[in-house]
């Protein structure tokens, strides 16, 4: 629905991928786990936006 919200979700996903990579390279499992969590958050945000779009289409 909101382009701004989709951009934020994508940014969160990218941030998580970078953090996971850094954790992988440095051998820091905590960084890696936090990166995966951020990616999951980004995916949830995308899903929420998809549901919003579906509801809007159903109403229109």
C-alpha atoms as a PDB file:
ATOM      1  CA  UNK A   1       0.000   0.000   0.000  1.00  0.00           C
ATOM      2  CA  UNK A   2       2.506   2.554   1.098  1.00  0.00           C
ATOM      3  CA  UNK A   3       5.646   2.782  -0.976  1.00  0.00           C
ATOM      4  CA  UNK A   4       7.426   4.291   1.998  1.00  0.00           C
ATOM      5  CA  UNK A   5       6.557   1.272   4.178  1.00  0.00           C
ATOM      6  CA  UNK A   6       7.734  -1.126   1.462  1.00  0.00           C
ATOM      7  CA  UNK A   7      11.035   0.749   1.181  1.00  0.00           C
ATOM      8  CA  UNK A   8      11.494   0.546   4.953  1.00  0.00           C
ATOM      9  CA  UNK A   9      10.796  -3.187   4.868  1.00  0.00           C
ATOM     10  CA  UNK A  10      13.325  -3.687   2.083  1.00  0.00           C
ATOM     11  CA  UNK A  11      15.893  -1.594   3.940  1.00  0.00           C
ATOM     12  CA  UNK A  12      15.372  -3.697   7.078  1.00  0.00           C
ATOM     13  CA  UNK A  13      15.871  -6.854   5.033  1.00  0.00           C
ATOM     14  CA  UNK A  14      19.086  -5.543   3.456  1.00  0.00           C
ATOM     15  CA  UNK A  15      20.345  -4.370   6.845  1.00  0.00           C
ATOM     16  CA  UNK A  16      19.713  -7.849   8.196  1.00  0.00           C
ATOM     17  CA  UNK A  17      21.546  -9.510   5.309  1.00  0.00           C
ATOM     18  CA  UNK A  18      24.572  -7.270   5.863  1.00  0.00           C
ATOM     19  CA  UNK A  19      24.546  -7.907   9.599  1.00  0.00           C
ATOM     20  CA  UNK A  20      24.207 -11.661   9.062  1.00  0.00           C
ATOM     21  CA  UNK A  21      27.134 -11.567   6.620  1.00  0.00           C
ATOM     22  CA  UNK A  22      29.281  -9.620   9.083  1.00  0.00           C
ATOM     23  CA  UNK A  23      28.429 -12.159  11.765  1.00  0.00           C
ATOM     24  CA  UNK A  24      29.361 -14.974   9.421  1.00  0.00           C
ATOM     25  CA  UNK A  25      32.701 -13.380   8.469  1.00  0.00           C
ATOM     26  CA  UNK A  26      33.658 -12.467  12.028  1.00  0.00           C
ATOM     27  CA  UNK A  27      32.359 -15.695  13.538  1.00  0.00           C
ATOM     28  CA  UNK A  28      29.943 -13.796  15.784  1.00  0.00           C
ATOM     29  CA  UNK A  29      26.796 -15.921  16.155  1.00  0.00           C
ATOM     30  CA  UNK A  30      24.955 -13.094  17.946  1.00  0.00           C
ATOM     31  CA  UNK A  31      25.423 -10.712  15.002  1.00  0.00           C
ATOM     32  CA  UNK A  32      24.360 -13.460  12.629  1.00  0.00           C
ATOM     33  CA  UNK A  33      21.204 -14.160  14.652  1.00  0.00           C
ATOM     34  CA  UNK A  34      20.333 -10.464  14.879  1.00  0.00           C
ATOM     35  CA  UNK A  35      20.746 -10.185  11.123  1.00  0.00           C
ATOM     36  CA  UNK A  36      18.371 -13.087  10.547  1.00  0.00           C
ATOM     37  CA  UNK A  37      15.870 -11.514  12.944  1.00  0.00           C
ATOM     38  CA  UNK A  38      15.977  -8.232  11.010  1.00  0.00           C
ATOM     39  CA  UNK A  39      15.401 -10.116   7.772  1.00  0.00           C
ATOM     40  CA  UNK A  40      12.387 -11.828   9.321  1.00  0.00           C
ATOM     41  CA  UNK A  41      11.067  -8.445  10.450  1.00  0.00           C
ATOM     42  CA  UNK A  42      11.458  -7.105   6.921  1.00  0.00           C
ATOM     43  CA  UNK A  43       9.561 -10.088   5.538  1.00  0.00           C
ATOM     44  CA  UNK A  44       6.751  -9.575   8.049  1.00  0.00           C
ATOM     45  CA  UNK A  45       6.512  -5.906   7.088  1.00  0.00           C
ATOM     46  CA  UNK A  46       6.228  -6.891   3.423  1.00  0.00           C
ATOM     47  CA  UNK A  47       3.497  -9.378   4.298  1.00  0.00           C
ATOM     48  CA  UNK A  48       1.572  -6.716   6.205  1.00  0.00           C
ATOM     49  CA  UNK A  49       1.741  -4.416   3.187  1.00  0.00           C
ATOM     50  CA  UNK A  50       0.516  -7.236   0.941  1.00  0.00           C
ATOM     51  CA  UNK A  51      -2.462  -7.824   3.238  1.00  0.00           C
ATOM     52  CA  UNK A  52      -3.238  -4.102   3.226  1.00  0.00           C
ATOM     53  CA  UNK A  53      -3.179  -4.140  -0.570  1.00  0.00           C
ATOM     54  CA  UNK A  54      -5.467  -7.190  -0.701  1.00  0.00           C
ATOM     55  CA  UNK A  55      -7.964  -5.603   1.688  1.00  0.00           C
ATOM     56  CA  UNK A  56      -7.939  -2.354  -0.274  1.00  0.00           C
ATOM     57  CA  UNK A  57      -8.576  -4.212  -3.537  1.00  0.00           C
ATOM     58  CA  UNK A  58     -11.396  -6.200  -1.947  1.00  0.00           C
ATOM     59  CA  UNK A  59     -13.054  -3.009  -0.695  1.00  0.00           C
ATOM     60  CA  UNK A  60     -12.696  -1.216  -4.022  1.00  0.00           C
END
